[in-house]
Amino acid sequence: MDIRQISDMIDDLVNDTSIPKNIRRALSEAKGRLDSGEDSNVKVSAAIYVIESITEDINMPAHARTQIWAIMSALETLNER
């Protein structure tokens, strides 16, 4: 999986109105980090950091939590390369 595919997954969540605004805002910030012109490892690490801050939000719907963990897994795999 590449950064473009992960960005698309994040877009799906950002456009889901059943997800609270603070979570969508954090996901938008993470996507912005991925789309930045920084070094690949730096932008992936920054996106992981932003997303980790919302993973334990009690207001997150179950379907979103599952998708966020899939995104985190994909980002961590990219970071290891």
PDB file of N, CA and C in Angstrom:
ATOM      1  N   MET A   1       0.849  -1.172   0.000  1.00  0.00           N
ATOM      2  CA  MET A   1       0.000   0.000   0.000  1.00  0.00           C
ATOM      3  C   MET A   1       0.898   1.240   0.000  1.00  0.00           C
ATOM      4  N   ASP A   2       0.512   2.252  -0.784  1.00  0.00           N
ATOM      5  CA  ASP A   2       1.321   3.457  -0.841  1.00  0.00           C
ATOM      6  C   ASP A   2       0.588   4.636  -0.177  1.00  0.00           C
ATOM      7  N   ILE A   3       1.272   5.764  -0.114  1.00  0.00           N
ATOM      8  CA  ILE A   3       0.725   6.940   0.577  1.00  0.00           C
ATOM      9  C   ILE A   3      -0.575   7.403  -0.063  1.00  0.00           C
ATOM     10  N   ARG A   4      -0.674   7.325  -1.384  1.00  0.00           N
ATOM     11  CA  ARG A   4      -1.897   7.758  -2.077  1.00  0.00           C
ATOM     12  C   ARG A   4      -3.098   6.920  -1.640  1.00  0.00           C
ATOM     13  N   GLN A   5      -2.909   5.621  -1.535  1.00  0.00           N
ATOM     14  CA  GLN A   5      -4.005   4.743  -1.111  1.00  0.00           C
ATOM     15  C   GLN A   5      -4.404   5.028   0.336  1.00  0.00           C
ATOM     16  N   ILE A   6      -3.435   5.281   1.179  1.00  0.00           N
ATOM     17  CA  ILE A   6      -3.728   5.599   2.576  1.00  0.00           C
ATOM     18  C   ILE A   6      -4.472   6.930   2.657  1.00  0.00           C
ATOM     19  N   SER A   7      -4.072   7.898   1.844  1.00  0.00           N
ATOM     20  CA  SER A   7      -4.778   9.187   1.804  1.00  0.00           C
ATOM     21  C   SER A   7      -6.226   9.002   1.385  1.00  0.00           C
ATOM     22  N   ASP A   8      -6.456   8.104   0.436  1.00  0.00           N
ATOM     23  CA  ASP A   8      -7.834   7.819   0.005  1.00  0.00           C
ATOM     24  C   ASP A   8      -8.652   7.216   1.144  1.00  0.00           C
ATOM     25  N   MET A   9      -8.035   6.333   1.925  1.00  0.00           N
ATOM     26  CA  MET A   9      -8.732   5.738   3.076  1.00  0.00           C
ATOM     27  C   MET A   9      -9.082   6.825   4.101  1.00  0.00           C
ATOM     28  N   ILE A  10      -8.156   7.740   4.314  1.00  0.00           N
ATOM     29  CA  ILE A  10      -8.410   8.833   5.249  1.00  0.00           C
ATOM     30  C   ILE A  10      -9.540   9.711   4.728  1.00  0.00           C
ATOM     31  N   ASP A  11      -9.539   9.991   3.417  1.00  0.00           N
ATOM     32  CA  ASP A  11     -10.620  10.794   2.809  1.00  0.00           C
ATOM     33  C   ASP A  11     -11.988  10.182   3.068  1.00  0.00           C
ATOM     34  N   ASP A  12     -12.072   8.869   2.967  1.00  0.00           N
ATOM     35  CA  ASP A  12     -13.348   8.198   3.212  1.00  0.00           C
ATOM     36  C   ASP A  12     -13.860   8.494   4.618  1.00  0.00           C
ATOM     37  N   LEU A  13     -12.969   8.489   5.591  1.00  0.00           N
ATOM     38  CA  LEU A  13     -13.368   8.773   6.975  1.00  0.00           C
ATOM     39  C   LEU A  13     -13.688  10.253   7.179  1.00  0.00           C
ATOM     40  N   VAL A  14     -12.905  11.119   6.562  1.00  0.00           N
ATOM     41  CA  VAL A  14     -13.130  12.563   6.702  1.00  0.00           C
ATOM     42  C   VAL A  14     -14.506  12.945   6.153  1.00  0.00           C
ATOM     43  N   ASN A  15     -14.933  12.269   5.114  1.00  0.00           N
ATOM     44  CA  ASN A  15     -16.223  12.580   4.493  1.00  0.00           C
ATOM     45  C   ASN A  15     -17.404  11.871   5.156  1.00  0.00           C
ATOM     46  N   ASP A  16     -17.150  11.055   6.158  1.00  0.00           N
ATOM     47  CA  ASP A  16     -18.199  10.326   6.880  1.00  0.00           C
ATOM     48  C   ASP A  16     -18.748  11.209   8.007  1.00  0.00           C
ATOM     49  N   THR A  17     -19.966  11.687   7.840  1.00  0.00           N
ATOM     50  CA  THR A  17     -20.538  12.614   8.822  1.00  0.00           C
ATOM     51  C   THR A  17     -20.964  11.942  10.122  1.00  0.00           C
ATOM     52  N   SER A  18     -20.887  10.615  10.198  1.00  0.00           N
ATOM     53  CA  SER A  18     -21.218   9.937  11.454  1.00  0.00           C
ATOM     54  C   SER A  18     -20.036   9.970  12.428  1.00  0.00           C
ATOM     55  N   ILE A  19     -18.901  10.445  11.953  1.00  0.00           N
ATOM     56  CA  ILE A  19     -17.705  10.537  12.784  1.00  0.00           C
ATOM     57  C   ILE A  19     -17.625  11.948  13.367  1.00  0.00           C
ATOM     58  N   PRO A  20     -17.352  12.068  14.667  1.00  0.00           N
ATOM     59  CA  PRO A  20     -17.277  13.399  15.296  1.00  0.00           C
ATOM     60  C   PRO A  20     -16.252  14.321  14.618  1.00  0.00           C
ATOM     61  N   LYS A  21     -16.539  15.620  14.687  1.00  0.00           N
ATOM     62  CA  LYS A  21     -15.706  16.616  14.006  1.00  0.00           C
ATOM     63  C   LYS A  21     -14.257  16.607  14.469  1.00  0.00           C
ATOM     64  N   ASN A  22     -14.016  16.417  15.761  1.00  0.00           N
ATOM     65  CA  ASN A  22     -12.631  16.444  16.236  1.00  0.00           C
ATOM     66  C   ASN A  22     -11.808  15.307  15.628  1.00  0.00           C
ATOM     67  N   ILE A  23     -12.434  14.173  15.409  1.00  0.00           N
ATOM     68  CA  ILE A  23     -11.736  13.033  14.799  1.00  0.00           C
ATOM     69  C   ILE A  23     -11.483  13.316  13.318  1.00  0.00           C
ATOM     70  N   ARG A  24     -12.490  13.849  12.645  1.00  0.00           N
ATOM     71  CA  ARG A  24     -12.318  14.189  11.229  1.00  0.00           C
ATOM     72  C   ARG A  24     -11.251  15.275  11.047  1.00  0.00           C
ATOM     73  N   ARG A  25     -11.204  16.227  11.974  1.00  0.00           N
ATOM     74  CA  ARG A  25     -10.201  17.290  11.916  1.00  0.00           C
ATOM     75  C   ARG A  25      -8.794  16.698  12.055  1.00  0.00           C
ATOM     76  N   ALA A  26      -8.626  15.778  12.994  1.00  0.00           N
ATOM     77  CA  ALA A  26      -7.318  15.148  13.176  1.00  0.00           C
ATOM     78  C   ALA A  26      -6.935  14.326  11.950  1.00  0.00           C
ATOM     79  N   LEU A  27      -7.892  13.645  11.372  1.00  0.00           N
ATOM     80  CA  LEU A  27      -7.611  12.864  10.164  1.00  0.00           C
ATOM     81  C   LEU A  27      -7.230  13.776   9.002  1.00  0.00           C
ATOM     82  N   SER A  28      -7.885  14.928   8.900  1.00  0.00           N
ATOM     83  CA  SER A  28      -7.529  15.901   7.853  1.00  0.00           C
ATOM     84  C   SER A  28      -6.102  16.408   8.056  1.00  0.00           C
ATOM     85  N   GLU A  29      -5.743  16.644   9.314  1.00  0.00           N
ATOM     86  CA  GLU A  29      -4.381  17.087   9.612  1.00  0.00           C
ATOM     87  C   GLU A  29      -3.378  16.001   9.225  1.00  0.00           C
ATOM     88  N   ALA A  30      -3.687  14.752   9.538  1.00  0.00           N
ATOM     89  CA  ALA A  30      -2.796  13.641   9.176  1.00  0.00           C
ATOM     90  C   ALA A  30      -2.651  13.540   7.662  1.00  0.00           C
ATOM     91  N   LYS A  31      -3.741  13.724   6.952  1.00  0.00           N
ATOM     92  CA  LYS A  31      -3.687  13.676   5.486  1.00  0.00           C
ATOM     93  C   LYS A  31      -2.826  14.811   4.956  1.00  0.00           C
ATOM     94  N   GLY A  32      -2.949  15.981   5.572  1.00  0.00           N
ATOM     95  CA  GLY A  32      -2.111  17.105   5.175  1.00  0.00           C
ATOM     96  C   GLY A  32      -0.637  16.806   5.372  1.00  0.00           C
ATOM     97  N   ARG A  33      -0.322  16.128   6.455  1.00  0.00           N
ATOM     98  CA  ARG A  33       1.074  15.738   6.705  1.00  0.00           C
ATOM     99  C   ARG A  33       1.556  14.771   5.629  1.00  0.00           C
ATOM    100  N   LEU A  34       0.686  13.824   5.240  1.00  0.00           N
ATOM    101  CA  LEU A  34       1.072  12.855   4.212  1.00  0.00           C
ATOM    102  C   LEU A  34       1.263  13.517   2.854  1.00  0.00           C
ATOM    103  N   ASP A  35       0.495  14.568   2.587  1.00  0.00           N
ATOM    104  CA  ASP A  35       0.566  15.245   1.294  1.00  0.00           C
ATOM    105  C   ASP A  35       1.653  16.317   1.244  1.00  0.00           C
ATOM    106  N   SER A  36       2.341  16.531   2.363  1.00  0.00           N
ATOM    107  CA  SER A  36       3.373  17.562   2.407  1.00  0.00           C
ATOM    108  C   SER A  36       4.596  17.136   1.597  1.00  0.00           C
ATOM    109  N   GLY A  37       5.489  18.068   1.373  1.00  0.00           N
ATOM    110  CA  GLY A  37       6.677  17.792   0.575  1.00  0.00           C
ATOM    111  C   GLY A  37       7.858  17.289   1.384  1.00  0.00           C
ATOM    112  N   GLU A  38       7.619  16.907   2.633  1.00  0.00           N
ATOM    113  CA  GLU A  38       8.700  16.447   3.495  1.00  0.00           C
ATOM    114  C   GLU A  38       9.198  15.069   3.073  1.00  0.00           C
ATOM    115  N   ASP A  39      10.277  14.665   3.694  1.00  0.00           N
ATOM    116  CA  ASP A  39      10.819  13.317   3.499  1.00  0.00           C
ATOM    117  C   ASP A  39       9.743  12.293   3.861  1.00  0.00           C
ATOM    118  N   SER A  40       9.707  11.197   3.153  1.00  0.00           N
ATOM    119  CA  SER A  40       8.676  10.174   3.340  1.00  0.00           C
ATOM    120  C   SER A  40       8.573   9.699   4.784  1.00  0.00           C
ATOM    121  N   ASN A  41       9.699   9.384   5.410  1.00  0.00           N
ATOM    122  CA  ASN A  41       9.668   8.890   6.788  1.00  0.00           C
ATOM    123  C   ASN A  41       9.143   9.938   7.756  1.00  0.00           C
ATOM    124  N   VAL A  42       9.488  11.199   7.519  1.00  0.00           N
ATOM    125  CA  VAL A  42       9.050  12.278   8.398  1.00  0.00           C
ATOM    126  C   VAL A  42       7.540  12.456   8.307  1.00  0.00           C
ATOM    127  N   LYS A  43       7.009  12.486   7.078  1.00  0.00           N
ATOM    128  CA  LYS A  43       5.573  12.712   6.952  1.00  0.00           C
ATOM    129  C   LYS A  43       4.751  11.522   7.439  1.00  0.00           C
ATOM    130  N   VAL A  44       5.238  10.313   7.244  1.00  0.00           N
ATOM    131  CA  VAL A  44       4.518   9.141   7.749  1.00  0.00           C
ATOM    132  C   VAL A  44       4.536   9.134   9.278  1.00  0.00           C
ATOM    133  N   SER A  45       5.670   9.434   9.868  1.00  0.00           N
ATOM    134  CA  SER A  45       5.763   9.485  11.334  1.00  0.00           C
ATOM    135  C   SER A  45       4.859  10.568  11.909  1.00  0.00           C
ATOM    136  N   ALA A  46       4.810  11.724  11.244  1.00  0.00           N
ATOM    137  CA  ALA A  46       3.953  12.820  11.707  1.00  0.00           C
ATOM    138  C   ALA A  46       2.482  12.420  11.628  1.00  0.00           C
ATOM    139  N   ALA A  47       2.097  11.738  10.558  1.00  0.00           N
ATOM    140  CA  ALA A  47       0.707  11.298  10.408  1.00  0.00           C
ATOM    141  C   ALA A  47       0.356  10.265  11.480  1.00  0.00           C
ATOM    142  N   ILE A  48       1.262   9.349  11.761  1.00  0.00           N
ATOM    143  CA  ILE A  48       1.032   8.350  12.814  1.00  0.00           C
ATOM    144  C   ILE A  48       0.816   9.051  14.149  1.00  0.00           C
ATOM    145  N   TYR A  49       1.642  10.034  14.453  1.00  0.00           N
ATOM    146  CA  TYR A  49       1.539  10.765  15.718  1.00  0.00           C
ATOM    147  C   TYR A  49       0.170  11.429  15.856  1.00  0.00           C
ATOM    148  N   VAL A  50      -0.293  12.078  14.786  1.00  0.00           N
ATOM    149  CA  VAL A  50      -1.593  12.760  14.825  1.00  0.00           C
ATOM    150  C   VAL A  50      -2.729  11.759  15.013  1.00  0.00           C
ATOM    151  N   ILE A  51      -2.692  10.663  14.287  1.00  0.00           N
ATOM    152  CA  ILE A  51      -3.771   9.677  14.363  1.00  0.00           C
ATOM    153  C   ILE A  51      -3.778   8.974  15.717  1.00  0.00           C
ATOM    154  N   GLU A  52      -2.594   8.712  16.281  1.00  0.00           N
ATOM    155  CA  GLU A  52      -2.530   8.064  17.599  1.00  0.00           C
ATOM    156  C   GLU A  52      -3.266   8.872  18.661  1.00  0.00           C
ATOM    157  N   SER A  53      -3.285  10.187  18.502  1.00  0.00           N
ATOM    158  CA  SER A  53      -3.924  11.042  19.499  1.00  0.00           C
ATOM    159  C   SER A  53      -5.443  10.842  19.568  1.00  0.00           C
ATOM    160  N   ILE A  54      -6.030  10.269  18.526  1.00  0.00           N
ATOM    161  CA  ILE A  54      -7.490  10.094  18.515  1.00  0.00           C
ATOM    162  C   ILE A  54      -7.933   8.642  18.642  1.00  0.00           C
ATOM    163  N   THR A  55      -6.996   7.709  18.678  1.00  0.00           N
ATOM    164  CA  THR A  55      -7.380   6.296  18.639  1.00  0.00           C
ATOM    165  C   THR A  55      -8.206   5.842  19.832  1.00  0.00           C
ATOM    166  N   GLU A  56      -8.057   6.500  20.953  1.00  0.00           N
ATOM    167  CA  GLU A  56      -8.799   6.086  22.148  1.00  0.00           C
ATOM    168  C   GLU A  56     -10.004   6.971  22.456  1.00  0.00           C
ATOM    169  N   ASP A  57     -10.414   7.788  21.493  1.00  0.00           N
ATOM    170  CA  ASP A  57     -11.572   8.664  21.698  1.00  0.00           C
ATOM    171  C   ASP A  57     -12.824   7.814  21.909  1.00  0.00           C
ATOM    172  N   ILE A  58     -13.513   8.037  23.021  1.00  0.00           N
ATOM    173  CA  ILE A  58     -14.676   7.200  23.351  1.00  0.00           C
ATOM    174  C   ILE A  58     -15.879   7.481  22.464  1.00  0.00           C
ATOM    175  N   ASN A  59     -15.861   8.602  21.753  1.00  0.00           N
ATOM    176  CA  ASN A  59     -16.984   8.948  20.872  1.00  0.00           C
ATOM    177  C   ASN A  59     -16.836   8.397  19.458  1.00  0.00           C
ATOM    178  N   MET A  60     -15.750   7.691  19.214  1.00  0.00           N
ATOM    179  CA  MET A  60     -15.513   7.169  17.875  1.00  0.00           C
ATOM    180  C   MET A  60     -16.412   5.964  17.590  1.00  0.00           C
ATOM    181  N   PRO A  61     -17.126   5.986  16.463  1.00  0.00           N
ATOM    182  CA  PRO A  61     -17.935   4.817  16.089  1.00  0.00           C
ATOM    183  C   PRO A  61     -17.043   3.601  15.830  1.00  0.00           C
ATOM    184  N   ALA A  62     -17.585   2.434  16.073  1.00  0.00           N
ATOM    185  CA  ALA A  62     -16.812   1.195  15.931  1.00  0.00           C
ATOM    186  C   ALA A  62     -16.257   1.017  14.517  1.00  0.00           C
ATOM    187  N   HIS A  63     -17.053   1.340  13.497  1.00  0.00           N
ATOM    188  CA  HIS A  63     -16.572   1.154  12.122  1.00  0.00           C
ATOM    189  C   HIS A  63     -15.392   2.075  11.828  1.00  0.00           C
ATOM    190  N   ALA A  64     -15.397   3.258  12.402  1.00  0.00           N
ATOM    191  CA  ALA A  64     -14.285   4.192  12.191  1.00  0.00           C
ATOM    192  C   ALA A  64     -13.022   3.704  12.893  1.00  0.00           C
ATOM    193  N   ARG A  65     -13.200   3.164  14.092  1.00  0.00           N
ATOM    194  CA  ARG A  65     -12.049   2.662  14.843  1.00  0.00           C
ATOM    195  C   ARG A  65     -11.339   1.561  14.051  1.00  0.00           C
ATOM    196  N   THR A  66     -12.118   0.664  13.453  1.00  0.00           N
ATOM    197  CA  THR A  66     -11.549  -0.417  12.653  1.00  0.00           C
ATOM    198  C   THR A  66     -10.762   0.139  11.475  1.00  0.00           C
ATOM    199  N   GLN A  67     -11.331   1.130  10.783  1.00  0.00           N
ATOM    200  CA  GLN A  67     -10.655   1.717   9.634  1.00  0.00           C
ATOM    201  C   GLN A  67      -9.395   2.479  10.057  1.00  0.00           C
ATOM    202  N   ILE A  68      -9.457   3.148  11.194  1.00  0.00           N
ATOM    203  CA  ILE A  68      -8.296   3.888  11.675  1.00  0.00           C
ATOM    204  C   ILE A  68      -7.157   2.938  12.026  1.00  0.00           C
ATOM    205  N   TRP A  69      -7.490   1.809  12.618  1.00  0.00           N
ATOM    206  CA  TRP A  69      -6.430   0.832  12.923  1.00  0.00           C
ATOM    207  C   TRP A  69      -5.824   0.264  11.643  1.00  0.00           C
ATOM    208  N   ALA A  70      -6.637   0.112  10.598  1.00  0.00           N
ATOM    209  CA  ALA A  70      -6.105  -0.350   9.307  1.00  0.00           C
ATOM    210  C   ALA A  70      -5.166   0.699   8.717  1.00  0.00           C
ATOM    211  N   ILE A  71      -5.537   1.968   8.842  1.00  0.00           N
ATOM    212  CA  ILE A  71      -4.688   3.060   8.362  1.00  0.00           C
ATOM    213  C   ILE A  71      -3.375   3.088   9.147  1.00  0.00           C
ATOM    214  N   MET A  72      -3.480   2.966  10.472  1.00  0.00           N
ATOM    215  CA  MET A  72      -2.282   2.964  11.314  1.00  0.00           C
ATOM    216  C   MET A  72      -1.353   1.816  10.933  1.00  0.00           C
ATOM    217  N   SER A  73      -1.909   0.651  10.707  1.00  0.00           N
ATOM    218  CA  SER A  73      -1.112  -0.506  10.319  1.00  0.00           C
ATOM    219  C   SER A  73      -0.388  -0.255   8.996  1.00  0.00           C
ATOM    220  N   ALA A  74      -1.111   0.303   8.032  1.00  0.00           N
ATOM    221  CA  ALA A  74      -0.506   0.600   6.729  1.00  0.00           C
ATOM    222  C   ALA A  74       0.605   1.642   6.872  1.00  0.00           C
ATOM    223  N   LEU A  75       0.371   2.666   7.695  1.00  0.00           N
ATOM    224  CA  LEU A  75       1.387   3.701   7.905  1.00  0.00           C
ATOM    225  C   LEU A  75       2.627   3.125   8.586  1.00  0.00           C
ATOM    226  N   GLU A  76       2.426   2.269   9.571  1.00  0.00           N
ATOM    227  CA  GLU A  76       3.555   1.674  10.265  1.00  0.00           C
ATOM    228  C   GLU A  76       4.352   0.758   9.339  1.00  0.00           C
ATOM    229  N   THR A  77       3.666   0.077   8.452  1.00  0.00           N
ATOM    230  CA  THR A  77       4.350  -0.767   7.466  1.00  0.00           C
ATOM    231  C   THR A  77       5.205   0.102   6.549  1.00  0.00           C
ATOM    232  N   LEU A  78       4.641   1.230   6.093  1.00  0.00           N
ATOM    233  CA  LEU A  78       5.415   2.158   5.256  1.00  0.00           C
ATOM    234  C   LEU A  78       6.619   2.709   5.999  1.00  0.00           C
ATOM    235  N   ASN A  79       6.433   3.004   7.261  1.00  0.00           N
ATOM    236  CA  ASN A  79       7.494   3.597   8.081  1.00  0.00           C
ATOM    237  C   ASN A  79       8.656   2.624   8.275  1.00  0.00           C
ATOM    238  N   GLU A  80       8.380   1.333   8.249  1.00  0.00           N
ATOM    239  CA  GLU A  80       9.407   0.316   8.448  1.00  0.00           C
ATOM    240  C   GLU A  80      10.252   0.083   7.199  1.00  0.00           C
ATOM    241  N   ARG A  81       9.742   0.501   6.058  1.00  0.00           N
ATOM    242  CA  ARG A  81      10.478   0.272   4.795  1.00  0.00           C
ATOM    243  C   ARG A  81      11.653   1.191   4.672  1.00  0.00           C
TER     244      ARG A  81
END
